[in-house]
Amino acid sequence: MPTVELNPLEFSTESRELAQGDVPVVISLSAYDIPSAVTLKRDPESGTLRISFDYVDREAAVTHIVDDALTVQLGKSSGKVLGFILKPTAQRPKDITIRIVEGVEKQLARAQRDNQRLNYEFIKRVVQNKMESLLAAT
């Protein structure tokens, strides 16, 4: 069960500038919306892969089925990505990474709040940059 600590600076957390009338507003992720680690766990019997993101707070998860092979777990209150459950249809690390990025992009299209969008973009960068090496270790 590999776990990797995440450095937020490595994934260049971005901010968004908005204008509220004549006042510029900058929106960025709080420490509560940036995961500190990612953990992978594969069920040896079913082959199901669970990917979990660790945050400074604990939040109940709401499950959203993206497609028949991918489920995303979102924070009940915040909407941030808490993890993924991937059925064993894709086996190669690159295929799994692509499938998860596509799932994140689908969630991004449905995001209603700016902090959700920023969290999803952060998670997408983590998956693109770390997932293949993590999967090779499982």
N, C-alpha and C. Protein backbone atom coordinates (compact mmCIF):
# COMPACT_ATOMS: atom_id res chain seq x y z
N MET A 1 0.84 -1.17 0.00
CA MET A 1 0.00 0.00 0.00
C MET A 1 0.89 1.24 0.00
N PRO A 2 1.31 1.70 -1.17
CA PRO A 2 2.18 2.87 -1.23
C PRO A 2 1.45 4.17 -0.86
N THR A 3 2.15 4.99 -0.09
CA THR A 3 1.66 6.32 0.26
C THR A 3 2.76 7.31 -0.10
N VAL A 4 2.36 8.41 -0.70
CA VAL A 4 3.32 9.44 -1.07
C VAL A 4 2.87 10.76 -0.47
N GLU A 5 3.80 11.41 0.24
CA GLU A 5 3.52 12.74 0.76
C GLU A 5 3.53 13.72 -0.42
N LEU A 6 2.63 14.68 -0.39
CA LEU A 6 2.52 15.65 -1.48
C LEU A 6 3.01 17.01 -1.04
N ASN A 7 3.76 17.66 -1.88
CA ASN A 7 4.23 19.01 -1.65
C ASN A 7 3.40 19.94 -2.54
N PRO A 8 2.58 20.80 -1.95
CA PRO A 8 1.71 21.67 -2.76
C PRO A 8 2.48 22.52 -3.77
N LEU A 9 3.70 22.91 -3.43
CA LEU A 9 4.48 23.74 -4.35
C LEU A 9 4.86 22.98 -5.62
N GLU A 10 4.97 21.66 -5.49
CA GLU A 10 5.31 20.83 -6.65
C GLU A 10 4.20 20.85 -7.71
N PHE A 11 2.98 21.09 -7.27
CA PHE A 11 1.84 21.05 -8.19
C PHE A 11 1.29 22.44 -8.47
N SER A 12 2.05 23.45 -8.14
CA SER A 12 1.73 24.86 -8.40
C SER A 12 0.25 25.17 -8.23
N THR A 13 -0.18 25.21 -6.98
CA THR A 13 -1.57 25.55 -6.71
C THR A 13 -1.84 26.93 -7.28
N GLU A 14 -2.82 26.99 -8.11
CA GLU A 14 -3.12 28.24 -8.77
C GLU A 14 -4.20 28.99 -8.02
N SER A 15 -4.37 30.21 -8.41
CA SER A 15 -5.45 31.02 -7.85
C SER A 15 -6.21 31.63 -9.01
N ARG A 16 -7.37 32.12 -8.74
CA ARG A 16 -8.20 32.74 -9.77
C ARG A 16 -8.49 34.17 -9.36
N GLU A 17 -8.39 35.05 -10.33
CA GLU A 17 -8.74 36.44 -10.07
C GLU A 17 -10.11 36.71 -10.65
N LEU A 18 -10.94 37.30 -9.85
CA LEU A 18 -12.28 37.67 -10.26
C LEU A 18 -12.48 39.15 -9.97
N ALA A 19 -13.38 39.74 -10.67
CA ALA A 19 -13.70 41.13 -10.39
C ALA A 19 -15.11 41.19 -9.80
N GLN A 20 -15.20 41.81 -8.65
CA GLN A 20 -16.49 42.05 -8.01
C GLN A 20 -16.73 43.56 -8.09
N GLY A 21 -17.33 43.97 -9.18
CA GLY A 21 -17.45 45.41 -9.40
C GLY A 21 -16.09 45.96 -9.73
N ASP A 22 -15.62 46.92 -8.95
CA ASP A 22 -14.30 47.51 -9.15
C ASP A 22 -13.23 46.87 -8.27
N VAL A 23 -13.62 45.87 -7.50
CA VAL A 23 -12.69 45.27 -6.54
C VAL A 23 -12.19 43.92 -7.07
N PRO A 24 -10.86 43.78 -7.26
CA PRO A 24 -10.33 42.47 -7.66
C PRO A 24 -10.34 41.50 -6.48
N VAL A 25 -10.72 40.28 -6.74
CA VAL A 25 -10.78 39.25 -5.71
C VAL A 25 -9.92 38.07 -6.18
N VAL A 26 -9.05 37.58 -5.30
CA VAL A 26 -8.20 36.43 -5.62
C VAL A 26 -8.71 35.24 -4.81
N ILE A 27 -8.98 34.15 -5.50
CA ILE A 27 -9.45 32.93 -4.85
C ILE A 27 -8.37 31.87 -5.00
N SER A 28 -7.98 31.26 -3.88
CA SER A 28 -6.98 30.20 -3.92
C SER A 28 -7.39 29.09 -2.95
N LEU A 29 -6.76 27.95 -3.07
CA LEU A 29 -7.08 26.83 -2.20
C LEU A 29 -6.60 27.09 -0.78
N SER A 30 -7.40 26.69 0.18
CA SER A 30 -6.98 26.76 1.57
C SER A 30 -6.22 25.48 1.91
N ALA A 31 -5.59 25.46 3.06
CA ALA A 31 -4.86 24.26 3.51
C ALA A 31 -5.81 23.07 3.65
N TYR A 32 -7.09 23.33 3.86
CA TYR A 32 -8.07 22.25 4.00
C TYR A 32 -8.44 21.61 2.67
N ASP A 33 -8.13 22.29 1.57
CA ASP A 33 -8.49 21.78 0.24
C ASP A 33 -7.30 21.19 -0.52
N ILE A 34 -6.13 21.16 0.12
CA ILE A 34 -4.94 20.62 -0.52
C ILE A 34 -4.55 19.32 0.20
N PRO A 35 -4.54 18.20 -0.51
CA PRO A 35 -4.18 16.94 0.17
C PRO A 35 -2.71 16.92 0.55
N SER A 36 -2.43 16.28 1.68
CA SER A 36 -1.05 16.16 2.15
C SER A 36 -0.39 14.87 1.68
N ALA A 37 -1.21 13.88 1.29
CA ALA A 37 -0.67 12.59 0.84
C ALA A 37 -1.70 11.88 -0.03
N VAL A 38 -1.21 10.93 -0.80
CA VAL A 38 -2.09 10.05 -1.59
C VAL A 38 -1.67 8.61 -1.30
N THR A 39 -2.67 7.75 -1.11
CA THR A 39 -2.44 6.34 -0.79
C THR A 39 -3.17 5.46 -1.80
N LEU A 40 -2.51 4.41 -2.25
CA LEU A 40 -3.11 3.44 -3.16
C LEU A 40 -3.23 2.11 -2.45
N LYS A 41 -4.35 1.44 -2.67
CA LYS A 41 -4.56 0.12 -2.09
C LYS A 41 -5.33 -0.72 -3.10
N ARG A 42 -4.79 -1.88 -3.43
CA ARG A 42 -5.46 -2.79 -4.38
C ARG A 42 -6.00 -3.99 -3.61
N ASP A 43 -7.28 -4.29 -3.82
CA ASP A 43 -7.89 -5.46 -3.20
C ASP A 43 -7.41 -6.69 -3.97
N PRO A 44 -6.70 -7.60 -3.31
CA PRO A 44 -6.13 -8.76 -4.02
C PRO A 44 -7.19 -9.70 -4.60
N GLU A 45 -8.36 -9.76 -3.99
CA GLU A 45 -9.40 -10.66 -4.49
C GLU A 45 -10.13 -10.10 -5.70
N SER A 46 -10.59 -8.85 -5.60
CA SER A 46 -11.38 -8.28 -6.68
C SER A 46 -10.54 -7.51 -7.70
N GLY A 47 -9.34 -7.09 -7.30
CA GLY A 47 -8.50 -6.28 -8.18
C GLY A 47 -8.87 -4.81 -8.17
N THR A 48 -9.88 -4.44 -7.37
CA THR A 48 -10.30 -3.04 -7.29
C THR A 48 -9.19 -2.18 -6.69
N LEU A 49 -8.97 -1.04 -7.29
CA LEU A 49 -7.95 -0.11 -6.84
C LEU A 49 -8.62 1.05 -6.11
N ARG A 50 -8.17 1.33 -4.89
CA ARG A 50 -8.67 2.47 -4.11
C ARG A 50 -7.55 3.48 -3.98
N ILE A 51 -7.86 4.70 -4.35
CA ILE A 51 -6.91 5.81 -4.24
C ILE A 51 -7.52 6.80 -3.28
N SER A 52 -6.80 7.12 -2.22
CA SER A 52 -7.31 8.03 -1.18
C SER A 52 -6.38 9.22 -1.03
N PHE A 53 -6.97 10.39 -0.87
CA PHE A 53 -6.22 11.61 -0.61
C PHE A 53 -6.43 11.99 0.85
N ASP A 54 -5.32 12.30 1.53
CA ASP A 54 -5.37 12.67 2.95
C ASP A 54 -5.34 14.19 3.07
N TYR A 55 -6.27 14.71 3.85
CA TYR A 55 -6.38 16.14 4.10
C TYR A 55 -6.20 16.39 5.60
N VAL A 56 -6.03 17.65 5.99
CA VAL A 56 -5.87 17.96 7.41
C VAL A 56 -7.17 17.71 8.18
N ASP A 57 -8.28 17.73 7.51
CA ASP A 57 -9.56 17.46 8.16
C ASP A 57 -10.13 16.14 7.66
N ARG A 58 -11.07 15.62 8.37
CA ARG A 58 -11.79 14.40 7.97
C ARG A 58 -13.21 14.80 7.60
N GLU A 59 -13.69 14.25 6.51
CA GLU A 59 -15.02 14.61 6.03
C GLU A 59 -15.71 13.37 5.50
N ALA A 60 -17.00 13.29 5.72
CA ALA A 60 -17.79 12.19 5.18
C ALA A 60 -17.75 12.26 3.66
N ALA A 61 -17.75 11.09 3.03
CA ALA A 61 -17.68 11.01 1.57
C ALA A 61 -19.05 10.77 0.96
N VAL A 62 -19.24 11.36 -0.21
CA VAL A 62 -20.40 11.11 -1.05
C VAL A 62 -19.85 10.45 -2.31
N THR A 63 -20.45 9.34 -2.72
CA THR A 63 -19.97 8.59 -3.86
C THR A 63 -20.70 9.02 -5.13
N HIS A 64 -19.90 9.30 -6.19
CA HIS A 64 -20.46 9.64 -7.50
C HIS A 64 -19.89 8.66 -8.51
N ILE A 65 -20.77 7.96 -9.21
CA ILE A 65 -20.34 7.01 -10.23
C ILE A 65 -20.09 7.79 -11.51
N VAL A 66 -18.85 7.73 -11.99
CA VAL A 66 -18.47 8.43 -13.21
C VAL A 66 -18.85 7.58 -14.42
N ASP A 67 -18.48 6.30 -14.36
CA ASP A 67 -18.87 5.33 -15.39
C ASP A 67 -18.83 3.95 -14.76
N ASP A 68 -18.97 2.90 -15.56
CA ASP A 68 -19.06 1.56 -14.98
C ASP A 68 -17.77 1.10 -14.29
N ALA A 69 -16.65 1.76 -14.55
CA ALA A 69 -15.39 1.33 -13.94
C ALA A 69 -14.84 2.31 -12.92
N LEU A 70 -15.31 3.55 -12.91
CA LEU A 70 -14.71 4.57 -12.06
C LEU A 70 -15.75 5.24 -11.17
N THR A 71 -15.44 5.30 -9.89
CA THR A 71 -16.27 6.00 -8.91
C THR A 71 -15.38 7.02 -8.22
N VAL A 72 -15.90 8.22 -8.03
CA VAL A 72 -15.15 9.25 -7.32
C VAL A 72 -15.84 9.51 -5.99
N GLN A 73 -15.04 9.71 -4.95
CA GLN A 73 -15.58 10.03 -3.64
C GLN A 73 -15.28 11.50 -3.36
N LEU A 74 -16.35 12.26 -3.13
CA LEU A 74 -16.23 13.70 -2.89
C LEU A 74 -16.62 14.01 -1.45
N GLY A 75 -16.05 15.07 -0.91
CA GLY A 75 -16.42 15.51 0.42
C GLY A 75 -17.86 15.95 0.45
N LYS A 76 -18.60 15.48 1.45
CA LYS A 76 -20.04 15.77 1.54
C LYS A 76 -20.32 17.27 1.61
N SER A 77 -19.51 18.03 2.35
CA SER A 77 -19.74 19.46 2.48
C SER A 77 -18.91 20.29 1.51
N SER A 78 -17.65 19.91 1.33
CA SER A 78 -16.74 20.72 0.53
C SER A 78 -16.79 20.41 -0.96
N GLY A 79 -17.08 19.16 -1.29
CA GLY A 79 -17.05 18.74 -2.69
C GLY A 79 -15.65 18.41 -3.17
N LYS A 80 -14.63 18.48 -2.30
CA LYS A 80 -13.27 18.17 -2.73
C LYS A 80 -13.13 16.66 -2.98
N VAL A 81 -12.16 16.30 -3.82
CA VAL A 81 -11.93 14.90 -4.15
C VAL A 81 -11.24 14.22 -2.98
N LEU A 82 -11.91 13.20 -2.43
CA LEU A 82 -11.34 12.41 -1.33
C LEU A 82 -10.69 11.13 -1.84
N GLY A 83 -11.15 10.66 -3.01
CA GLY A 83 -10.55 9.45 -3.54
C GLY A 83 -11.27 8.91 -4.75
N PHE A 84 -10.74 7.80 -5.25
CA PHE A 84 -11.29 7.12 -6.42
C PHE A 84 -11.36 5.64 -6.14
N ILE A 85 -12.33 4.98 -6.75
CA ILE A 85 -12.41 3.53 -6.74
C ILE A 85 -12.46 3.12 -8.19
N LEU A 86 -11.50 2.30 -8.60
CA LEU A 86 -11.39 1.90 -10.00
C LEU A 86 -11.48 0.39 -10.11
N LYS A 87 -12.48 -0.08 -10.86
CA LYS A 87 -12.61 -1.52 -11.09
C LYS A 87 -11.49 -1.96 -12.03
N PRO A 88 -11.12 -3.23 -11.99
CA PRO A 88 -9.93 -3.69 -12.72
C PRO A 88 -10.13 -3.87 -14.22
N THR A 89 -10.71 -2.90 -14.90
CA THR A 89 -10.85 -3.02 -16.35
C THR A 89 -9.58 -2.55 -17.05
N ALA A 90 -8.91 -1.55 -16.49
CA ALA A 90 -7.64 -1.07 -17.03
C ALA A 90 -6.54 -1.57 -16.11
N GLN A 91 -5.49 -2.12 -16.67
CA GLN A 91 -4.42 -2.69 -15.86
C GLN A 91 -3.12 -1.89 -15.94
N ARG A 92 -2.83 -1.35 -17.11
CA ARG A 92 -1.56 -0.63 -17.25
C ARG A 92 -1.64 0.72 -16.55
N PRO A 93 -0.55 1.12 -15.88
CA PRO A 93 -0.56 2.40 -15.16
C PRO A 93 -0.99 3.59 -16.01
N LYS A 94 -0.54 3.64 -17.27
CA LYS A 94 -0.91 4.77 -18.13
C LYS A 94 -2.42 4.78 -18.40
N ASP A 95 -3.00 3.60 -18.65
CA ASP A 95 -4.45 3.52 -18.89
C ASP A 95 -5.25 3.94 -17.67
N ILE A 96 -4.79 3.55 -16.49
CA ILE A 96 -5.47 3.93 -15.25
C ILE A 96 -5.38 5.44 -15.05
N THR A 97 -4.21 5.99 -15.29
CA THR A 97 -4.01 7.44 -15.15
C THR A 97 -4.94 8.20 -16.09
N ILE A 98 -5.01 7.77 -17.33
CA ILE A 98 -5.88 8.43 -18.31
C ILE A 98 -7.34 8.35 -17.87
N ARG A 99 -7.77 7.20 -17.40
CA ARG A 99 -9.15 7.00 -16.97
C ARG A 99 -9.50 7.94 -15.81
N ILE A 100 -8.58 8.07 -14.84
CA ILE A 100 -8.83 8.94 -13.69
C ILE A 100 -8.85 10.40 -14.11
N VAL A 101 -7.93 10.82 -14.97
CA VAL A 101 -7.92 12.21 -15.43
C VAL A 101 -9.22 12.54 -16.15
N GLU A 102 -9.71 11.63 -16.98
CA GLU A 102 -11.00 11.84 -17.64
C GLU A 102 -12.13 11.97 -16.63
N GLY A 103 -12.10 11.16 -15.58
CA GLY A 103 -13.11 11.25 -14.53
C GLY A 103 -13.06 12.57 -13.79
N VAL A 104 -11.85 13.05 -13.51
CA VAL A 104 -11.69 14.35 -12.85
C VAL A 104 -12.23 15.46 -13.75
N GLU A 105 -11.95 15.37 -15.04
CA GLU A 105 -12.44 16.39 -15.97
C GLU A 105 -13.97 16.41 -16.02
N LYS A 106 -14.60 15.24 -15.92
CA LYS A 106 -16.07 15.20 -15.87
C LYS A 106 -16.58 15.87 -14.60
N GLN A 107 -15.91 15.63 -13.48
CA GLN A 107 -16.32 16.28 -12.23
C GLN A 107 -16.07 17.79 -12.30
N LEU A 108 -14.98 18.17 -12.93
CA LEU A 108 -14.65 19.59 -13.09
C LEU A 108 -15.73 20.32 -13.86
N ALA A 109 -16.27 19.67 -14.87
CA ALA A 109 -17.35 20.29 -15.66
C ALA A 109 -18.60 20.51 -14.83
N ARG A 110 -18.78 19.71 -13.77
CA ARG A 110 -19.97 19.85 -12.91
C ARG A 110 -19.74 20.72 -11.68
N ALA A 111 -18.49 21.11 -11.46
CA ALA A 111 -18.15 21.87 -10.24
C ALA A 111 -18.92 23.18 -10.21
N GLN A 112 -19.44 23.52 -9.04
CA GLN A 112 -20.25 24.72 -8.89
C GLN A 112 -19.53 25.83 -8.15
N ARG A 113 -18.47 25.49 -7.43
CA ARG A 113 -17.76 26.50 -6.64
C ARG A 113 -16.31 26.60 -7.09
N ASP A 114 -15.73 27.77 -6.92
CA ASP A 114 -14.34 27.98 -7.35
C ASP A 114 -13.37 27.10 -6.59
N ASN A 115 -13.58 26.90 -5.27
CA ASN A 115 -12.65 26.05 -4.53
C ASN A 115 -12.71 24.60 -5.01
N GLN A 116 -13.88 24.15 -5.46
CA GLN A 116 -13.99 22.80 -6.04
C GLN A 116 -13.16 22.73 -7.32
N ARG A 117 -13.32 23.73 -8.19
CA ARG A 117 -12.57 23.73 -9.45
C ARG A 117 -11.06 23.71 -9.20
N LEU A 118 -10.62 24.52 -8.25
CA LEU A 118 -9.19 24.56 -7.94
C LEU A 118 -8.72 23.23 -7.36
N ASN A 119 -9.52 22.61 -6.49
CA ASN A 119 -9.17 21.30 -5.93
C ASN A 119 -9.10 20.25 -7.03
N TYR A 120 -10.06 20.23 -7.94
CA TYR A 120 -10.07 19.25 -9.02
C TYR A 120 -8.85 19.42 -9.92
N GLU A 121 -8.49 20.67 -10.21
CA GLU A 121 -7.30 20.92 -11.03
C GLU A 121 -6.05 20.43 -10.30
N PHE A 122 -5.98 20.65 -9.00
CA PHE A 122 -4.84 20.18 -8.21
C PHE A 122 -4.76 18.65 -8.26
N ILE A 123 -5.89 17.99 -8.01
CA ILE A 123 -5.93 16.52 -8.04
C ILE A 123 -5.54 16.00 -9.41
N LYS A 124 -6.01 16.65 -10.45
CA LYS A 124 -5.67 16.25 -11.82
C LYS A 124 -4.15 16.31 -12.04
N ARG A 125 -3.51 17.36 -11.55
CA ARG A 125 -2.05 17.47 -11.69
C ARG A 125 -1.33 16.38 -10.88
N VAL A 126 -1.83 16.08 -9.69
CA VAL A 126 -1.24 15.01 -8.88
C VAL A 126 -1.33 13.69 -9.64
N VAL A 127 -2.50 13.39 -10.19
CA VAL A 127 -2.69 12.14 -10.92
C VAL A 127 -1.76 12.10 -12.14
N GLN A 128 -1.69 13.18 -12.89
CA GLN A 128 -0.85 13.21 -14.08
C GLN A 128 0.63 13.05 -13.75
N ASN A 129 1.07 13.58 -12.61
CA ASN A 129 2.49 13.58 -12.28
C ASN A 129 2.95 12.43 -11.40
N LYS A 130 2.07 11.82 -10.62
CA LYS A 130 2.49 10.82 -9.63
C LYS A 130 1.89 9.43 -9.83
N MET A 131 0.76 9.34 -10.50
CA MET A 131 0.00 8.10 -10.48
C MET A 131 0.73 6.92 -11.12
N GLU A 132 1.37 7.13 -12.27
CA GLU A 132 2.01 6.00 -12.92
C GLU A 132 3.11 5.38 -12.07
N SER A 133 3.92 6.22 -11.42
CA SER A 133 4.99 5.68 -10.56
C SER A 133 4.41 5.00 -9.33
N LEU A 134 3.32 5.54 -8.78
CA LEU A 134 2.66 4.89 -7.64
C LEU A 134 2.08 3.54 -8.03
N LEU A 135 1.45 3.49 -9.19
CA LEU A 135 0.83 2.25 -9.64
C LEU A 135 1.89 1.17 -9.92
N ALA A 136 3.03 1.58 -10.41
CA ALA A 136 4.10 0.63 -10.66
C ALA A 136 4.59 -0.01 -9.37
N ALA A 137 4.41 0.71 -8.24
CA ALA A 137 4.85 0.18 -6.94
C ALA A 137 3.84 -0.74 -6.29
N THR A 138 2.61 -0.84 -6.85
CA THR A 138 1.60 -1.70 -6.24
C THR A 138 1.68 -3.11 -6.79
